[in-house]
Amino acid sequence: MSSPQVPNIRPAELMRIKSFRLLWTNSFLFVLVQSTQRFAFVWLALELGARSDINGVILFVMGIPALLISLPVGVMSDHLNRKTLLLVSQLGALCTTIAIAFMVSAELMTISWAIAASFAAGIFIALGTPVRAAAIPTLVPQDKLIGAIAVNTIGMNIGLIIGPATAGPVIRIWGIQGAFWLQAVLYLLGFVALLRLELPAGVNTERRSLRWEILEGLKFIHGHQAVRSFFVLLSSSTVFMMAPWIVLGPQLAREQAGATASQTTLMFALLGVGQFVTSLFIMRFNQLLVRKGLWFMCGLCWGSGVQILLGQSTSIAMMSLFLFMWGVGGGLYMNLNQTLIQNNTPREVMGRVMAIHSLLMSGLAPAGALAVGFLARQIDSAPLMFSLCGAAMMISTLYFLVAKPHLRPMS
C-alpha cells in the first residue's frame, strides 16, 4: 500500500490544523523530557556509584512496562478515546516525576529506589507513546501524512537539541535533582496542551477478545513481507544501536572523553543537530526519496559505520564530531521508519501496529541495554562493546540490503 508523492511540505499549513498543532506541542514536550530522562537516570546512578551493569538494569526496568502493556494499549488505542489515554499517561508521568525529584532533592534516593522509580516512569511512557504515533494519521489528510511525520520529527529533533543543552546547565546549577524538576515542569506544560486537544476515537468499533485483537496486529505484520522484514531490521537497530547508546553513551563521555555532565549534554545535543539537518533536507527534497526503504538502509549503514568510530573517541572534540555525523544518519532513521510503517499499515490496525513499534523501541531497547551493560562489564571495556555493536548492526543491514530486495522499493 503506497501513498502519493508529496512535492512540497508546508509546516505552516499543517500547524493551522488545531488538533495536529496541539498534539505536536505535547509530543515536542514529551521528547524534551525523554531527551533528559534516560540521561538523568544514568547520571544519577553514576553519582550513586553504579557502573554499566547497574545502568543497564535501570534502563531495562524502565522498559518492562512497555513489554507488558504496549500491545493491550494498542488495542485500546484502536477502540477507545485516545485523548483520555494520553491524559492518564501525562498525569501519571507528572506525579511520578515530582516524586522522583523530591526524593533526589531530599537525598533519599538510592540505587534500589532509582530502579523502582524507573519502572514507574516506564509505565506511563508505555501508555502514551503508541497513542501519539497512531493519532497522527487521523488528524491530517492522507496526502499530507508524509509532511506531518516530517514536521513531527523536526519537533523531536529540536527537542533532542534543546533538552540536553538545557539539562547540562540545570545539573551544573541545581544538581541532578534539577533535571528531574525540569522534567516535571515540561510534563505539566504537556498536560495543559492536551486539555484542548480533540482526538477521534479509534476507527475500529468491532470489539473482540484482547488476545484476538493483539493477534490481528501481529498477523498483519507477519503477512506483509516487506513490513515483516522491516520490523526485523528495526529490532536489530534497537538492540545494536539504541541500546548501547542509552546505557553506554554517558559512560563513554565521562570516562573515555573526560566530559563533565554539562559538557556531555551539550555533546549529546549535537546528535539532535545532525538529525535536524537531515530532517530539513527531507522536508525540502522529500520528492527525491522515492525508494524510502533503500534510503532507510543506507542511513543504517552510515550510522553503524559512525558508531564504530564513535566508540573509539578519546576526546570531546572527536566525540562531538562523530555524534553530529551519527545524527545525520539518525535523521533518515527517525523520519523514514515512521513513514514506512504508517504508509503501509491500514488505519483499522494502526494502533496495534504502532504499539508493536513502541514495544520494540521502549521495551526491546532497555532489554538490550541490560545485555549490553552486562557484556561491557564482563569484557571491562565500554568503548569496545559500543564499537562491536556497531559492527553487528553493519552486518545486519548489509544482509537485508542484499538478501531482502523487497525492502528497497518500500515507500
Protein backbone atom coordinates (compact mmCIF):
# COMPACT_ATOMS: atom_id res chain seq x y z
CA MET A 1 0.00 0.00 0.00
CA SER A 2 1.58 3.31 -1.05
CA SER A 3 0.65 6.92 -0.89
CA PRO A 4 1.06 9.64 -3.50
CA GLN A 5 4.31 11.57 -3.52
CA VAL A 6 4.16 14.97 -1.86
CA PRO A 7 6.04 17.62 -3.88
CA ASN A 8 6.23 20.17 -1.07
CA ILE A 9 5.87 20.10 2.69
CA ARG A 10 4.46 23.29 4.21
CA PRO A 11 4.80 23.27 8.01
CA ALA A 12 2.67 26.41 8.43
CA GLU A 13 -0.23 24.73 6.62
CA LEU A 14 -0.04 21.72 8.91
CA MET A 15 0.25 23.87 12.03
CA ARG A 16 -3.01 25.59 11.13
CA ILE A 17 -4.74 22.29 11.92
CA LYS A 18 -5.51 22.86 15.61
CA SER A 19 -5.51 19.23 16.74
CA PHE A 20 -2.24 18.48 14.95
CA ARG A 21 -0.67 21.61 16.45
CA LEU A 22 -1.66 20.63 19.98
CA LEU A 23 -0.53 17.03 19.53
CA TRP A 24 2.76 18.30 18.08
CA THR A 25 3.23 20.54 21.13
CA ASN A 26 2.56 17.67 23.52
CA SER A 27 4.89 15.34 21.58
CA PHE A 28 7.60 18.01 21.48
CA LEU A 29 7.44 18.48 25.26
CA PHE A 30 7.41 14.70 25.73
CA VAL A 31 10.62 14.40 23.69
CA LEU A 32 12.18 17.19 25.77
CA VAL A 33 11.52 15.03 28.83
CA GLN A 34 12.79 11.86 27.18
CA SER A 35 15.97 13.57 25.99
CA THR A 36 16.87 14.31 29.61
CA GLN A 37 15.20 11.43 31.48
CA ARG A 38 17.33 8.45 30.49
CA PHE A 39 20.48 10.57 30.74
CA ALA A 40 19.39 11.82 34.18
CA PHE A 41 18.74 8.29 35.46
CA VAL A 42 22.10 7.02 34.19
CA TRP A 43 23.98 10.06 35.55
CA LEU A 44 22.15 9.70 38.88
CA ALA A 45 23.21 6.06 39.06
CA LEU A 46 26.81 7.02 38.27
CA GLU A 47 26.72 9.58 41.10
CA LEU A 48 25.39 6.85 43.39
CA GLY A 49 28.40 4.68 42.49
CA ALA A 50 26.85 2.41 39.87
CA ARG A 51 28.61 1.08 36.74
CA SER A 52 27.42 -0.08 33.31
CA ASP A 53 25.72 -3.25 34.56
CA ILE A 54 23.56 -1.33 37.08
CA ASN A 55 22.82 1.33 34.48
CA GLY A 56 21.63 -1.46 32.21
CA VAL A 57 19.35 -2.77 34.97
CA ILE A 58 17.81 0.68 35.49
CA LEU A 59 17.09 1.13 31.78
CA PHE A 60 15.83 -2.45 31.43
CA VAL A 61 13.40 -1.96 34.32
CA MET A 62 12.16 1.24 32.66
CA GLY A 63 11.29 -0.83 29.59
CA ILE A 64 9.48 -3.66 31.42
CA PRO A 65 6.09 -1.86 31.35
CA ALA A 66 6.42 -1.49 27.57
CA LEU A 67 6.93 -5.25 27.31
CA LEU A 68 3.84 -5.86 29.45
CA ILE A 69 1.28 -3.28 28.30
CA SER A 70 2.22 -1.91 24.86
CA LEU A 71 0.12 -4.43 22.95
CA PRO A 72 -3.01 -4.02 25.14
CA VAL A 73 -2.58 -0.23 24.85
CA GLY A 74 -2.51 -0.62 21.06
CA VAL A 75 -5.84 -2.44 21.20
CA MET A 76 -7.31 0.32 23.40
CA SER A 77 -5.97 2.95 21.01
CA ASP A 78 -7.90 1.37 18.13
CA HIS A 79 -11.16 1.38 20.15
CA LEU A 80 -11.20 3.96 22.94
CA ASN A 81 -10.90 7.73 23.31
CA ARG A 82 -7.23 8.44 22.63
CA LYS A 83 -7.32 11.76 24.44
CA THR A 84 -8.29 10.02 27.68
CA LEU A 85 -5.39 7.60 27.30
CA LEU A 86 -2.98 10.49 26.74
CA LEU A 87 -4.30 12.45 29.72
CA VAL A 88 -3.88 9.45 32.05
CA SER A 89 -0.37 8.89 30.70
CA GLN A 90 0.63 12.55 31.09
CA LEU A 91 -0.80 12.98 34.59
CA GLY A 92 0.74 9.74 35.82
CA ALA A 93 4.14 10.71 34.41
CA LEU A 94 3.88 14.13 36.05
CA CYS A 95 3.12 12.73 39.50
CA THR A 96 5.87 10.10 39.22
CA THR A 97 8.48 12.66 38.17
CA ILE A 98 7.57 15.02 41.02
CA ALA A 99 8.03 12.14 43.47
CA ILE A 100 11.45 11.29 41.98
CA ALA A 101 12.56 14.93 42.06
CA PHE A 102 11.51 15.24 45.70
CA MET A 103 13.41 12.09 46.73
CA VAL A 104 16.58 13.21 44.95
CA SER A 105 16.31 16.71 46.47
CA ALA A 106 15.80 15.24 49.95
CA GLU A 107 18.78 12.88 49.44
CA LEU A 108 16.52 9.86 49.94
CA MET A 109 17.35 8.31 46.58
CA THR A 110 19.31 5.06 46.46
CA ILE A 111 20.12 2.71 43.61
CA SER A 112 17.22 0.47 44.66
CA TRP A 113 14.81 3.41 44.67
CA ALA A 114 16.21 4.58 41.31
CA ILE A 115 15.39 1.18 39.83
CA ALA A 116 11.85 1.30 41.26
CA ALA A 117 11.39 4.88 40.02
CA SER A 118 12.48 3.96 36.50
CA PHE A 119 9.83 1.21 36.45
CA ALA A 120 7.12 3.68 37.50
CA ALA A 121 8.23 6.17 34.85
CA GLY A 122 8.20 3.42 32.23
CA ILE A 123 4.53 2.62 32.89
CA PHE A 124 3.32 5.99 31.68
CA ILE A 125 5.79 6.16 28.80
CA ALA A 126 4.43 2.83 27.57
CA LEU A 127 0.86 4.08 27.94
CA GLY A 128 1.27 7.25 25.89
CA THR A 129 3.88 6.54 23.20
CA PRO A 130 1.87 4.31 20.81
CA VAL A 131 -1.23 6.51 21.14
CA ARG A 132 0.67 9.62 19.97
CA ALA A 133 2.04 7.83 16.93
CA ALA A 134 -1.29 6.23 15.97
CA ALA A 135 -3.14 9.55 16.26
CA ILE A 136 -1.15 11.44 13.60
CA PRO A 137 -2.83 9.82 10.54
CA THR A 138 -6.27 10.64 11.98
CA LEU A 139 -5.54 14.38 12.19
CA VAL A 140 -4.24 15.18 8.70
CA PRO A 141 -5.35 14.23 5.17
CA GLN A 142 -3.59 11.19 3.68
CA ASP A 143 -1.73 13.30 1.12
CA LYS A 144 -0.20 15.35 3.97
CA LEU A 145 0.85 12.38 6.12
CA ILE A 146 4.49 12.37 4.99
CA GLY A 147 4.67 16.10 5.71
CA ALA A 148 3.06 15.63 9.13
CA ILE A 149 5.58 12.93 10.05
CA ALA A 150 8.46 15.15 8.86
CA VAL A 151 7.22 18.15 10.86
CA ASN A 152 6.66 15.94 13.91
CA THR A 153 10.16 14.52 13.52
CA ILE A 154 11.65 18.01 13.28
CA GLY A 155 9.95 18.77 16.59
CA MET A 156 11.62 15.67 18.02
CA ASN A 157 14.97 16.83 16.62
CA ILE A 158 14.57 20.26 18.24
CA GLY A 159 13.66 18.55 21.49
CA LEU A 160 16.79 16.39 21.28
CA ILE A 161 18.84 19.56 20.87
CA ILE A 162 17.18 21.75 23.50
CA GLY A 163 16.69 19.01 26.09
CA PRO A 164 20.34 18.01 26.60
CA ALA A 165 21.54 21.61 26.11
CA THR A 166 19.18 22.72 28.89
CA ALA A 167 19.80 19.76 31.20
CA GLY A 168 23.55 20.42 31.42
CA PRO A 169 23.31 23.93 32.89
CA VAL A 170 20.41 22.82 35.11
CA ILE A 171 22.51 19.99 36.56
CA ARG A 172 25.50 22.31 36.99
CA ILE A 173 23.46 24.95 38.84
CA TRP A 174 20.92 22.87 40.80
CA GLY A 175 22.44 19.40 40.74
CA ILE A 176 20.97 16.20 39.31
CA GLN A 177 17.67 16.91 41.11
CA GLY A 178 17.27 19.96 38.89
CA ALA A 179 16.99 17.73 35.83
CA PHE A 180 14.05 15.87 37.37
CA TRP A 181 12.30 19.10 38.44
CA LEU A 182 12.74 20.34 34.86
CA GLN A 183 11.06 17.16 33.58
CA ALA A 184 8.14 17.75 35.94
CA VAL A 185 7.61 21.28 34.60
CA LEU A 186 7.69 20.00 30.99
CA TYR A 187 5.17 17.27 31.80
CA LEU A 188 2.87 19.90 33.32
CA LEU A 189 3.03 22.06 30.17
CA GLY A 190 2.32 18.99 28.04
CA PHE A 191 -0.73 18.21 30.17
CA VAL A 192 -2.09 21.73 29.57
CA ALA A 193 -1.70 21.26 25.80
CA LEU A 194 -3.68 18.00 25.97
CA LEU A 195 -6.65 19.63 27.71
CA ARG A 196 -7.63 21.47 24.49
CA LEU A 197 -6.84 18.58 22.16
CA GLU A 198 -9.66 16.84 20.30
CA LEU A 199 -8.87 13.34 19.07
CA PRO A 200 -11.21 10.94 17.26
CA ALA A 201 -11.79 7.56 18.83
CA GLY A 202 -10.19 4.53 17.25
CA VAL A 203 -11.63 3.68 13.83
CA ASN A 204 -12.15 0.02 14.73
CA THR A 205 -15.50 -0.26 16.52
CA GLU A 206 -15.87 -4.05 16.40
CA ARG A 207 -14.95 -5.50 19.81
CA ARG A 208 -13.32 -8.90 20.14
CA SER A 209 -11.22 -10.60 22.79
CA LEU A 210 -7.96 -8.90 23.74
CA ARG A 211 -5.96 -11.91 22.58
CA TRP A 212 -7.67 -11.89 19.17
CA GLU A 213 -7.13 -8.16 18.77
CA ILE A 214 -3.41 -8.42 19.54
CA LEU A 215 -3.01 -11.38 17.19
CA GLU A 216 -4.67 -9.42 14.39
CA GLY A 217 -1.94 -6.76 14.56
CA LEU A 218 0.78 -9.41 14.67
CA LYS A 219 -0.81 -11.30 11.77
CA PHE A 220 -0.81 -8.15 9.64
CA ILE A 221 2.93 -7.67 10.17
CA HIS A 222 3.68 -11.36 9.59
CA GLY A 223 1.56 -11.48 6.44
CA HIS A 224 3.10 -8.40 4.81
CA GLN A 225 6.52 -9.49 3.54
CA ALA A 226 8.12 -6.05 3.36
CA VAL A 227 6.67 -4.87 6.68
CA ARG A 228 7.78 -8.11 8.36
CA SER A 229 11.37 -7.72 7.15
CA PHE A 230 11.32 -4.06 8.11
CA PHE A 231 10.31 -4.87 11.69
CA VAL A 232 13.11 -7.44 11.96
CA LEU A 233 15.63 -4.83 10.79
CA LEU A 234 14.09 -2.30 13.16
CA SER A 235 14.57 -4.78 16.02
CA SER A 236 18.23 -5.17 15.10
CA SER A 237 18.74 -1.42 15.12
CA THR A 238 17.10 -1.19 18.54
CA VAL A 239 19.41 -3.82 20.04
CA PHE A 240 22.66 -2.85 18.33
CA MET A 241 22.35 0.95 18.11
CA MET A 242 19.80 2.35 20.53
CA ALA A 243 20.52 0.01 23.45
CA PRO A 244 24.30 0.58 23.50
CA TRP A 245 23.77 4.32 23.27
CA ILE A 246 21.35 4.69 26.16
CA VAL A 247 23.41 2.55 28.54
CA LEU A 248 26.98 3.35 27.46
CA GLY A 249 26.71 6.86 25.99
CA PRO A 250 27.07 8.82 29.27
CA GLN A 251 29.81 6.45 30.45
CA LEU A 252 31.79 6.91 27.22
CA ALA A 253 31.53 10.67 27.55
CA ARG A 254 32.56 10.67 31.19
CA GLU A 255 35.33 8.07 31.17
CA GLN A 256 36.57 7.98 27.57
CA ALA A 257 36.34 11.67 26.65
CA GLY A 258 36.63 13.09 30.19
CA ALA A 259 33.47 15.21 29.87
CA THR A 260 31.52 16.70 32.74
CA ALA A 261 27.71 16.39 32.94
CA SER A 262 27.29 19.81 31.33
CA GLN A 263 29.75 19.05 28.52
CA THR A 264 28.11 15.66 27.95
CA THR A 265 24.65 17.11 27.48
CA LEU A 266 25.99 19.70 25.03
CA MET A 267 27.70 16.94 23.05
CA PHE A 268 24.51 14.91 23.06
CA ALA A 269 22.69 17.94 21.67
CA LEU A 270 24.87 17.64 18.55
CA LEU A 271 23.17 14.32 17.87
CA GLY A 272 19.90 16.23 17.60
CA VAL A 273 21.54 18.88 15.42
CA GLY A 274 22.57 16.22 12.92
CA GLN A 275 19.06 14.77 12.88
CA PHE A 276 17.61 18.24 12.45
CA VAL A 277 19.80 18.92 9.40
CA THR A 278 18.68 15.68 7.75
CA SER A 279 15.03 16.36 8.60
CA LEU A 280 15.23 19.78 6.93
CA PHE A 281 16.71 18.10 3.85
CA ILE A 282 13.85 15.57 3.77
CA MET A 283 11.26 18.31 4.17
CA ARG A 284 12.78 20.29 1.29
CA PHE A 285 13.63 17.42 -1.07
CA ASN A 286 11.22 14.66 0.01
CA GLN A 287 10.21 14.06 -3.62
CA LEU A 288 13.70 12.60 -4.22
CA LEU A 289 13.18 9.85 -1.62
CA VAL A 290 11.19 7.57 -3.91
CA ARG A 291 12.72 4.30 -2.67
CA LYS A 292 12.41 5.04 1.01
CA GLY A 293 13.31 1.50 2.08
CA LEU A 294 16.66 1.82 0.32
CA TRP A 295 17.30 5.23 1.88
CA PHE A 296 16.44 3.80 5.30
CA MET A 297 19.01 1.01 4.95
CA CYS A 298 21.63 3.45 3.63
CA GLY A 299 21.04 5.57 6.73
CA LEU A 300 21.62 2.50 8.91
CA CYS A 301 24.86 1.68 7.07
CA TRP A 302 26.08 5.23 7.63
CA GLY A 303 25.04 5.17 11.29
CA SER A 304 26.64 1.81 12.08
CA GLY A 305 29.92 2.88 10.47
CA VAL A 306 29.98 6.08 12.52
CA GLN A 307 29.07 4.11 15.65
CA ILE A 308 32.22 2.00 15.29
CA LEU A 309 34.31 5.19 15.22
CA LEU A 310 32.28 6.87 17.97
CA GLY A 311 33.09 4.06 20.39
CA GLN A 312 36.79 4.80 19.97
CA SER A 313 36.52 8.56 20.58
CA THR A 314 39.16 9.77 23.03
CA SER A 315 38.39 13.48 23.24
CA ILE A 316 35.42 15.81 23.49
CA ALA A 317 36.11 17.25 20.03
CA MET A 318 36.29 13.82 18.39
CA MET A 319 33.17 12.57 20.13
CA SER A 320 31.28 15.75 19.23
CA LEU A 321 32.11 15.34 15.54
CA PHE A 322 31.04 11.71 15.44
CA LEU A 323 27.84 12.46 17.36
CA PHE A 324 26.87 15.04 14.74
CA MET A 325 27.66 12.57 11.95
CA TRP A 326 25.66 9.87 13.76
CA GLY A 327 22.73 12.26 13.97
CA VAL A 328 22.84 12.86 10.21
CA GLY A 329 22.12 9.16 9.65
CA GLY A 330 19.68 9.15 12.54
CA GLY A 331 17.58 11.77 10.77
CA LEU A 332 16.86 9.29 7.98
CA TYR A 333 16.09 6.63 10.57
CA MET A 334 13.65 8.76 12.57
CA ASN A 335 11.76 10.15 9.56
CA LEU A 336 11.58 7.06 7.41
CA ASN A 337 10.77 4.38 9.97
CA GLN A 338 7.54 6.19 10.90
CA THR A 339 6.70 6.93 7.24
CA LEU A 340 7.30 3.34 6.09
CA ILE A 341 5.12 1.90 8.84
CA GLN A 342 2.23 4.35 8.57
CA ASN A 343 2.16 4.38 4.76
CA ASN A 344 1.95 0.58 4.68
CA THR A 345 -0.49 -0.06 7.52
CA PRO A 346 -4.33 0.06 7.32
CA ARG A 347 -5.82 2.56 9.77
CA GLU A 348 -8.04 -0.04 11.44
CA VAL A 349 -4.94 -1.79 12.86
CA MET A 350 -2.73 1.31 13.12
CA GLY A 351 -2.91 1.47 16.92
CA ARG A 352 -1.82 -2.13 17.34
CA VAL A 353 0.97 -1.91 14.77
CA MET A 354 2.30 1.30 16.34
CA ALA A 355 2.07 -0.43 19.74
CA ILE A 356 4.32 -3.19 18.42
CA HIS A 357 6.66 -0.48 17.15
CA SER A 358 6.58 1.11 20.61
CA LEU A 359 7.21 -2.30 22.16
CA LEU A 360 10.41 -2.56 20.14
CA MET A 361 11.57 0.98 20.85
CA SER A 362 10.58 1.26 24.52
CA GLY A 363 10.75 -2.40 25.55
CA LEU A 364 13.43 -4.07 23.46
CA ALA A 365 15.91 -1.20 23.83
CA PRO A 366 16.08 -1.46 27.65
CA ALA A 367 16.29 -5.27 27.39
CA GLY A 368 19.18 -4.84 25.00
CA ALA A 369 20.68 -2.25 27.35
CA LEU A 370 20.66 -4.83 30.14
CA ALA A 371 22.59 -7.30 27.98
CA VAL A 372 24.97 -4.67 26.60
CA GLY A 373 25.69 -3.28 30.07
CA PHE A 374 26.40 -6.77 31.40
CA LEU A 375 28.69 -7.69 28.48
CA ALA A 376 30.53 -4.37 28.70
CA ARG A 377 31.21 -5.09 32.37
CA GLN A 378 32.39 -8.64 31.56
CA ILE A 379 34.90 -7.56 28.91
CA ASP A 380 35.71 -4.46 31.02
CA SER A 381 35.53 -2.15 28.02
CA ALA A 382 32.52 0.04 27.24
CA PRO A 383 34.24 1.53 24.12
CA LEU A 384 34.94 -1.91 22.62
CA MET A 385 31.40 -3.11 23.33
CA PHE A 386 29.93 0.01 21.72
CA SER A 387 32.00 -0.46 18.55
CA LEU A 388 31.26 -4.19 18.37
CA CYS A 389 27.54 -3.41 18.44
CA GLY A 390 28.09 -1.01 15.53
CA ALA A 391 29.83 -3.76 13.57
CA ALA A 392 26.95 -6.15 14.28
CA MET A 393 24.49 -3.52 13.01
CA MET A 394 26.52 -3.05 9.84
CA ILE A 395 26.47 -6.80 9.13
CA SER A 396 22.70 -6.99 9.76
CA THR A 397 21.96 -4.05 7.47
CA LEU A 398 24.15 -5.35 4.64
CA TYR A 399 22.36 -8.71 4.86
CA PHE A 400 18.94 -7.09 4.44
CA LEU A 401 20.25 -4.77 1.73
CA VAL A 402 21.50 -7.72 -0.32
CA ALA A 403 19.16 -10.59 0.61
CA LYS A 404 15.82 -8.75 1.01
CA PRO A 405 15.30 -6.78 -2.22
CA HIS A 406 11.59 -6.24 -1.43
CA LEU A 407 12.62 -3.73 1.26
CA ARG A 408 14.32 -1.33 -1.15
CA PRO A 409 11.24 -0.06 -3.07
CA MET A 410 9.09 0.48 0.04
CA SER A 411 7.57 3.96 0.09
